[in-house]
Amino acid sequence: MNGQLTTTDLGVARAGQIALQPINTPWSVSVTVSVNTIARRLFQALTVPEYLETWLRMPGDDTDCYIAALQNANCYRLDRYRRGGIDVSVIGSYRILRRNKLHFTWRQYAELSTPESLVQIRLLGDFGRTTVRLNHVGLTSREQHIWHQELWEKSLTKLASLF
């Protein structure tokens, strides 16, 4: 590989395929947190791979785990390494990528892979504080809901603690 990341490397669907149309299910996740910083800094923390690796916390993380994030244009990939190998991967693409509004697809590959879902984040700034409102829609089971609820609660709590 030439050192550049391609959409094929990320495992993201090519243009022309059916667009994601997630529905609100009983298993959707909603998390809100207030962070002591401005929206511009939070936007960077939410989208720059090196920053994602700092605050993202997946269920089952321990001291031997770490996250590696890759991004190319509007595509991203998150890999959790545990005991020398990848045990969870998440791939997706940004559908909306603005300073106060992010929408991105989410598909988890692990022991139990998930269908593609949608994460929606709004950043509502008020001077030096910003409220982060996250909704994850399109989850299709109770197990997915529990896993993703823990993921987003732990991750956003960690993110808020960094500011």
C-alpha atoms as a PDB file:
ATOM      1  CA  MET A   1       0.000   0.000   0.000  1.00  0.00           C
ATOM      2  CA  ASN A   2       1.271   3.498  -0.827  1.00  0.00           C
ATOM      3  CA  GLY A   3       0.434   4.981   2.575  1.00  0.00           C
ATOM      4  CA  GLN A   4      -2.851   6.485   1.422  1.00  0.00           C
ATOM      5  CA  LEU A   5      -6.121   5.193   2.715  1.00  0.00           C
ATOM      6  CA  THR A   6      -8.821   4.334   0.182  1.00  0.00           C
ATOM      7  CA  THR A   7     -12.537   3.824   0.567  1.00  0.00           C
ATOM      8  CA  THR A   8     -11.977   0.164  -0.224  1.00  0.00           C
ATOM      9  CA  ASP A   9      -9.527  -0.093   2.695  1.00  0.00           C
ATOM     10  CA  LEU A  10     -12.175   1.398   4.950  1.00  0.00           C
ATOM     11  CA  GLY A  11     -14.823  -1.038   3.762  1.00  0.00           C
ATOM     12  CA  VAL A  12     -17.250   1.788   2.929  1.00  0.00           C
ATOM     13  CA  ALA A  13     -19.946   1.272   0.313  1.00  0.00           C
ATOM     14  CA  ARG A  14     -19.296   2.865  -3.078  1.00  0.00           C
ATOM     15  CA  ALA A  15     -21.418   5.689  -4.464  1.00  0.00           C
ATOM     16  CA  GLY A  16     -24.534   4.563  -6.279  1.00  0.00           C
ATOM     17  CA  GLN A  17     -25.569   2.004  -3.699  1.00  0.00           C
ATOM     18  CA  ILE A  18     -28.812   2.418  -1.798  1.00  0.00           C
ATOM     19  CA  ALA A  19     -28.649   5.245   0.732  1.00  0.00           C
ATOM     20  CA  LEU A  20     -29.152   4.498   4.400  1.00  0.00           C
ATOM     21  CA  GLN A  21     -32.644   5.287   5.646  1.00  0.00           C
ATOM     22  CA  PRO A  22     -32.544   4.444   9.360  1.00  0.00           C
ATOM     23  CA  ILE A  23     -35.714   4.342  11.342  1.00  0.00           C
ATOM     24  CA  ASN A  24     -36.201   5.216  14.954  1.00  0.00           C
ATOM     25  CA  THR A  25     -36.520   1.903  16.796  1.00  0.00           C
ATOM     26  CA  PRO A  26     -37.174   1.135  20.456  1.00  0.00           C
ATOM     27  CA  TRP A  27     -33.421   0.540  20.704  1.00  0.00           C
ATOM     28  CA  SER A  28     -32.224   3.994  19.642  1.00  0.00           C
ATOM     29  CA  VAL A  29     -29.635   5.628  21.919  1.00  0.00           C
ATOM     30  CA  SER A  30     -29.737   9.263  23.086  1.00  0.00           C
ATOM     31  CA  VAL A  31     -27.000  10.828  25.198  1.00  0.00           C
ATOM     32  CA  THR A  32     -26.512  14.492  26.129  1.00  0.00           C
ATOM     33  CA  VAL A  33     -23.472  15.959  27.859  1.00  0.00           C
ATOM     34  CA  SER A  34     -22.312  19.491  28.608  1.00  0.00           C
ATOM     35  CA  VAL A  35     -18.643  20.216  27.894  1.00  0.00           C
ATOM     36  CA  ASN A  36     -16.600  23.147  29.129  1.00  0.00           C
ATOM     37  CA  THR A  37     -15.301  24.293  25.716  1.00  0.00           C
ATOM     38  CA  ILE A  38     -16.408  25.905  22.469  1.00  0.00           C
ATOM     39  CA  ALA A  39     -18.070  24.004  19.620  1.00  0.00           C
ATOM     40  CA  ARG A  40     -15.084  24.419  17.270  1.00  0.00           C
ATOM     41  CA  ARG A  41     -12.780  22.507  19.645  1.00  0.00           C
ATOM     42  CA  LEU A  42     -15.401  19.786  20.181  1.00  0.00           C
ATOM     43  CA  PHE A  43     -15.886  19.398  16.437  1.00  0.00           C
ATOM     44  CA  GLN A  44     -12.158  18.691  16.113  1.00  0.00           C
ATOM     45  CA  ALA A  45     -12.266  16.194  18.982  1.00  0.00           C
ATOM     46  CA  LEU A  46     -15.178  14.409  17.270  1.00  0.00           C
ATOM     47  CA  THR A  47     -13.602  14.220  13.809  1.00  0.00           C
ATOM     48  CA  VAL A  48      -9.782  14.185  14.003  1.00  0.00           C
ATOM     49  CA  PRO A  49      -8.515  10.573  14.251  1.00  0.00           C
ATOM     50  CA  GLU A  50      -5.812  11.295  16.842  1.00  0.00           C
ATOM     51  CA  TYR A  51      -8.383  12.898  19.136  1.00  0.00           C
ATOM     52  CA  LEU A  52     -10.968  10.127  18.617  1.00  0.00           C
ATOM     53  CA  GLU A  53      -8.409   7.619  19.832  1.00  0.00           C
ATOM     54  CA  THR A  54      -8.152   9.563  23.110  1.00  0.00           C
ATOM     55  CA  TRP A  55     -11.795   9.632  24.195  1.00  0.00           C
ATOM     56  CA  LEU A  56     -13.596   6.756  22.466  1.00  0.00           C
ATOM     57  CA  ARG A  57     -14.378   3.945  24.947  1.00  0.00           C
ATOM     58  CA  MET A  58     -15.916   0.684  23.749  1.00  0.00           C
ATOM     59  CA  PRO A  59     -17.606  -1.779  26.091  1.00  0.00           C
ATOM     60  CA  GLY A  60     -15.135  -4.337  27.376  1.00  0.00           C
ATOM     61  CA  ASP A  61     -12.131  -1.995  27.156  1.00  0.00           C
ATOM     62  CA  ASP A  62      -9.330  -2.790  29.563  1.00  0.00           C
ATOM     63  CA  THR A  63      -5.759  -1.621  30.097  1.00  0.00           C
ATOM     64  CA  ASP A  64      -4.523  -3.800  27.220  1.00  0.00           C
ATOM     65  CA  CYS A  65      -6.901  -2.230  24.647  1.00  0.00           C
ATOM     66  CA  TYR A  66      -6.373   0.705  22.369  1.00  0.00           C
ATOM     67  CA  ILE A  67      -8.270   2.304  19.492  1.00  0.00           C
ATOM     68  CA  ALA A  68      -6.717   3.193  16.138  1.00  0.00           C
ATOM     69  CA  ALA A  69      -8.655   5.628  13.942  1.00  0.00           C
ATOM     70  CA  LEU A  70      -8.250   6.209  10.207  1.00  0.00           C
ATOM     71  CA  GLN A  71      -9.936   8.797   8.021  1.00  0.00           C
ATOM     72  CA  ASN A  72      -9.940   9.559   4.309  1.00  0.00           C
ATOM     73  CA  ALA A  73     -12.159  12.301   2.911  1.00  0.00           C
ATOM     74  CA  ASN A  74     -15.636  11.454   4.278  1.00  0.00           C
ATOM     75  CA  CYS A  75     -14.870   7.873   5.333  1.00  0.00           C
ATOM     76  CA  TYR A  76     -13.570   6.606   8.661  1.00  0.00           C
ATOM     77  CA  ARG A  77     -12.546   3.364  10.345  1.00  0.00           C
ATOM     78  CA  LEU A  78     -12.085   2.615  14.047  1.00  0.00           C
ATOM     79  CA  ASP A  79     -10.252  -0.531  15.152  1.00  0.00           C
ATOM     80  CA  ARG A  80      -9.986  -1.721  18.738  1.00  0.00           C
ATOM     81  CA  TYR A  81      -6.881  -3.788  19.347  1.00  0.00           C
ATOM     82  CA  ARG A  82      -6.875  -6.293  22.144  1.00  0.00           C
ATOM     83  CA  ARG A  83      -4.224  -8.900  22.905  1.00  0.00           C
ATOM     84  CA  GLY A  84      -2.343  -8.175  19.678  1.00  0.00           C
ATOM     85  CA  GLY A  85      -5.264  -8.242  17.255  1.00  0.00           C
ATOM     86  CA  ILE A  86      -8.356  -6.374  16.174  1.00  0.00           C
ATOM     87  CA  ASP A  87     -11.479  -7.549  18.001  1.00  0.00           C
ATOM     88  CA  VAL A  88     -13.883  -4.759  16.953  1.00  0.00           C
ATOM     89  CA  SER A  89     -13.939  -2.590  13.830  1.00  0.00           C
ATOM     90  CA  VAL A  90     -16.355   0.183  12.979  1.00  0.00           C
ATOM     91  CA  ILE A  91     -16.602   1.707   9.526  1.00  0.00           C
ATOM     92  CA  GLY A  92     -18.709   4.479   8.123  1.00  0.00           C
ATOM     93  CA  SER A  93     -18.950   7.690   6.210  1.00  0.00           C
ATOM     94  CA  TYR A  94     -19.877  11.233   7.090  1.00  0.00           C
ATOM     95  CA  ARG A  95     -23.207  12.300   5.570  1.00  0.00           C
ATOM     96  CA  ILE A  96     -23.216  15.778   7.163  1.00  0.00           C
ATOM     97  CA  LEU A  97     -19.991  17.283   8.442  1.00  0.00           C
ATOM     98  CA  ARG A  98     -20.519  20.829   9.712  1.00  0.00           C
ATOM     99  CA  ARG A  99     -19.183  22.507  12.820  1.00  0.00           C
ATOM    100  CA  ASN A 100     -22.464  22.178  14.747  1.00  0.00           C
ATOM    101  CA  LYS A 101     -23.989  19.136  13.053  1.00  0.00           C
ATOM    102  CA  LEU A 102     -22.531  15.724  12.249  1.00  0.00           C
ATOM    103  CA  HIS A 103     -24.312  12.720  10.765  1.00  0.00           C
ATOM    104  CA  PHE A 104     -22.366   9.580  10.000  1.00  0.00           C
ATOM    105  CA  THR A 105     -23.099   5.970   9.209  1.00  0.00           C
ATOM    106  CA  TRP A 106     -21.943   3.308  11.661  1.00  0.00           C
ATOM    107  CA  ARG A 107     -21.370  -0.382  11.045  1.00  0.00           C
ATOM    108  CA  GLN A 108     -19.689  -2.557  13.629  1.00  0.00           C
ATOM    109  CA  TYR A 109     -17.750  -5.686  12.751  1.00  0.00           C
ATOM    110  CA  ALA A 110     -17.039  -7.980  15.671  1.00  0.00           C
ATOM    111  CA  GLU A 111     -18.188 -11.309  17.066  1.00  0.00           C
ATOM    112  CA  LEU A 112     -21.712  -9.999  16.469  1.00  0.00           C
ATOM    113  CA  SER A 113     -21.666  -7.621  13.486  1.00  0.00           C
ATOM    114  CA  THR A 114     -24.396  -5.019  13.157  1.00  0.00           C
ATOM    115  CA  PRO A 115     -26.348  -3.621  10.226  1.00  0.00           C
ATOM    116  CA  GLU A 116     -25.541  -0.051   9.214  1.00  0.00           C
ATOM    117  CA  SER A 117     -27.045   2.588  11.513  1.00  0.00           C
ATOM    118  CA  LEU A 118     -26.819   6.369  11.798  1.00  0.00           C
ATOM    119  CA  VAL A 119     -25.229   8.590  14.444  1.00  0.00           C
ATOM    120  CA  GLN A 120     -26.473  12.177  14.663  1.00  0.00           C
ATOM    121  CA  ILE A 121     -24.616  14.750  16.771  1.00  0.00           C
ATOM    122  CA  ARG A 122     -25.597  18.363  17.433  1.00  0.00           C
ATOM    123  CA  LEU A 123     -23.270  20.835  19.129  1.00  0.00           C
ATOM    124  CA  LEU A 124     -25.166  23.628  20.851  1.00  0.00           C
ATOM    125  CA  GLY A 125     -22.743  26.302  22.047  1.00  0.00           C
ATOM    126  CA  ASP A 126     -23.329  28.877  24.742  1.00  0.00           C
ATOM    127  CA  PHE A 127     -20.158  30.975  25.147  1.00  0.00           C
ATOM    128  CA  GLY A 128     -17.549  28.709  26.775  1.00  0.00           C
ATOM    129  CA  ARG A 129     -19.809  25.648  27.175  1.00  0.00           C
ATOM    130  CA  THR A 130     -21.196  23.355  24.512  1.00  0.00           C
ATOM    131  CA  THR A 131     -23.974  20.816  24.826  1.00  0.00           C
ATOM    132  CA  VAL A 132     -23.387  17.632  22.828  1.00  0.00           C
ATOM    133  CA  ARG A 133     -26.609  15.840  21.825  1.00  0.00           C
ATOM    134  CA  LEU A 134     -26.040  12.421  20.318  1.00  0.00           C
ATOM    135  CA  ASN A 135     -28.701  10.169  18.821  1.00  0.00           C
ATOM    136  CA  HIS A 136     -27.839   6.760  17.411  1.00  0.00           C
ATOM    137  CA  VAL A 137     -30.739   5.417  15.346  1.00  0.00           C
ATOM    138  CA  GLY A 138     -31.278   2.281  13.329  1.00  0.00           C
ATOM    139  CA  LEU A 139     -30.135  -0.239  15.956  1.00  0.00           C
ATOM    140  CA  THR A 140     -32.058  -3.471  15.549  1.00  0.00           C
ATOM    141  CA  SER A 141     -31.766  -5.381  18.806  1.00  0.00           C
ATOM    142  CA  ARG A 142     -31.667  -5.045  22.571  1.00  0.00           C
ATOM    143  CA  GLU A 143     -28.043  -6.295  22.598  1.00  0.00           C
ATOM    144  CA  GLN A 144     -26.981  -3.593  20.142  1.00  0.00           C
ATOM    145  CA  HIS A 145     -28.796  -0.978  22.203  1.00  0.00           C
ATOM    146  CA  ILE A 146     -27.026  -2.026  25.421  1.00  0.00           C
ATOM    147  CA  TRP A 147     -23.587  -2.119  23.738  1.00  0.00           C
ATOM    148  CA  HIS A 148     -24.021   1.264  22.036  1.00  0.00           C
ATOM    149  CA  GLN A 149     -25.588   2.920  25.107  1.00  0.00           C
ATOM    150  CA  GLU A 150     -22.494   1.961  27.109  1.00  0.00           C
ATOM    151  CA  LEU A 151     -20.180   3.033  24.276  1.00  0.00           C
ATOM    152  CA  TRP A 152     -21.667   6.523  23.954  1.00  0.00           C
ATOM    153  CA  GLU A 153     -22.130   7.155  27.694  1.00  0.00           C
ATOM    154  CA  LYS A 154     -18.537   6.159  28.532  1.00  0.00           C
ATOM    155  CA  SER A 155     -17.096   7.925  25.505  1.00  0.00           C
ATOM    156  CA  LEU A 156     -18.903  11.241  25.981  1.00  0.00           C
ATOM    157  CA  THR A 157     -18.114  11.214  29.701  1.00  0.00           C
ATOM    158  CA  LYS A 158     -14.423  10.730  28.841  1.00  0.00           C
ATOM    159  CA  LEU A 159     -14.613  13.481  26.185  1.00  0.00           C
ATOM    160  CA  ALA A 160     -16.138  15.941  28.676  1.00  0.00           C
ATOM    161  CA  SER A 161     -13.433  15.132  31.237  1.00  0.00           C
ATOM    162  CA  LEU A 162     -10.695  16.194  28.815  1.00  0.00           C
ATOM    163  CA  PHE A 163     -11.805  19.850  28.744  1.00  0.00           C
END
